[in-house]
Amino acid sequence: MTNRVAINSLMNVNGAGPLYPMVADGSTAVSGTTPIPTGTTLVTVGGIAASATYIEEPSWSVGVLQINVIVHAGVETGEAVRGRQRRRSGQ
């Protein structure tokens, strides 16, 4: 079966690595900040890159990164979402 339309998807993950601005272990982000990973985040579905529309640690979370993506039309259904994060050189 093939996805015939784009689908919006939300996932919460941990283990994102360093964030900027930095968040102390076991704490929520400082009010008014929106921490993002210092590395590049790539999400693929069925081997096809999904477009990320939001990648941040929400103010309510402790150690959880929220990623919103658009799964593009033509992606086969039933595939697990696989995320991979790569650090930028020098980080």
Protein backbone atom coordinates (compact mmCIF):
# COMPACT_ATOMS: atom_id res chain seq x y z
CA MET A 1 0.00 0.00 0.00
CA THR A 2 1.24 3.52 -0.82
CA ASN A 3 0.50 6.79 0.93
CA ARG A 4 -1.29 8.93 -1.68
CA VAL A 5 -1.34 12.18 0.32
CA ALA A 6 1.09 13.95 2.61
CA ILE A 7 0.52 13.17 6.29
CA ASN A 8 1.49 15.33 9.26
CA SER A 9 3.10 13.34 12.06
CA LEU A 10 4.38 14.20 15.52
CA MET A 11 6.94 12.24 17.50
CA ASN A 12 8.59 12.71 20.86
CA VAL A 13 12.10 11.32 21.24
CA ASN A 14 14.89 11.38 23.79
CA GLY A 15 18.64 11.15 23.36
CA ALA A 16 18.86 14.20 21.08
CA GLY A 17 22.30 15.14 22.38
CA PRO A 18 23.40 18.69 23.17
CA LEU A 19 20.85 21.49 22.88
CA TYR A 20 21.23 25.22 22.34
CA PRO A 21 20.59 27.01 24.52
CA MET A 22 21.79 24.40 26.99
CA VAL A 23 19.27 22.84 29.38
CA ALA A 24 20.45 21.55 32.77
CA ASP A 25 19.94 17.79 33.27
CA GLY A 26 16.56 17.05 34.86
CA SER A 27 15.25 20.56 34.21
CA THR A 28 12.86 22.22 31.82
CA ALA A 29 14.10 24.96 29.51
CA VAL A 30 14.48 28.49 30.82
CA SER A 31 11.27 30.45 30.26
CA GLY A 32 11.20 32.19 26.89
CA THR A 33 13.78 29.89 25.26
CA THR A 34 13.24 27.16 22.67
CA PRO A 35 16.18 24.72 22.81
CA ILE A 36 17.08 22.96 19.59
CA PRO A 37 19.62 20.18 18.91
CA THR A 38 23.11 21.34 17.95
CA GLY A 39 23.35 18.44 15.51
CA THR A 40 21.47 17.86 12.28
CA THR A 41 18.27 15.84 12.65
CA LEU A 42 17.11 13.64 9.79
CA VAL A 43 13.88 11.64 9.79
CA THR A 44 13.19 9.07 7.09
CA VAL A 45 10.03 7.05 6.47
CA GLY A 46 10.34 4.09 4.18
CA GLY A 47 13.82 5.31 3.22
CA ILE A 48 12.47 8.69 2.06
CA ALA A 49 13.32 11.91 3.92
CA ALA A 50 10.38 13.50 5.73
CA SER A 51 10.20 17.30 5.95
CA ALA A 52 10.64 18.51 9.54
CA THR A 53 8.38 21.45 10.40
CA TYR A 54 9.29 21.68 14.11
CA ILE A 55 12.31 20.39 16.05
CA GLU A 56 12.52 21.75 19.61
CA GLU A 57 12.35 20.77 23.26
CA PRO A 58 8.89 21.96 24.34
CA SER A 59 8.63 24.05 27.51
CA TRP A 60 6.70 21.25 29.27
CA SER A 61 9.33 18.56 28.71
CA VAL A 62 12.36 17.30 30.57
CA GLY A 63 14.73 15.55 28.17
CA VAL A 64 12.16 15.05 25.40
CA LEU A 65 12.52 16.48 21.92
CA GLN A 66 9.40 17.06 19.80
CA ILE A 67 9.72 16.57 16.05
CA ASN A 68 6.84 17.36 13.69
CA VAL A 69 7.27 16.05 10.16
CA ILE A 70 5.39 15.78 6.90
CA VAL A 71 5.45 12.27 5.46
CA HIS A 72 5.34 12.80 1.72
CA ALA A 73 2.94 11.18 -0.70
CA GLY A 74 4.29 8.04 -2.33
CA VAL A 75 5.84 6.59 0.84
CA GLU A 76 4.87 2.98 1.38
CA THR A 77 2.84 2.49 4.55
CA GLY A 78 3.80 0.11 7.33
CA GLU A 79 7.43 1.25 7.54
CA ALA A 80 8.75 2.24 10.95
CA VAL A 81 9.86 5.83 11.37
CA ARG A 82 13.62 5.92 11.75
CA GLY A 83 15.40 8.97 13.05
CA ARG A 84 19.11 9.59 12.83
CA GLN A 85 21.00 12.51 14.27
CA ARG A 86 24.42 13.57 13.10
CA ARG A 87 26.61 16.06 14.89
CA ARG A 88 27.97 18.97 12.95
CA SER A 89 31.72 18.91 12.63
CA GLY A 90 33.51 20.61 15.51
CA GLN A 91 30.64 20.08 17.97
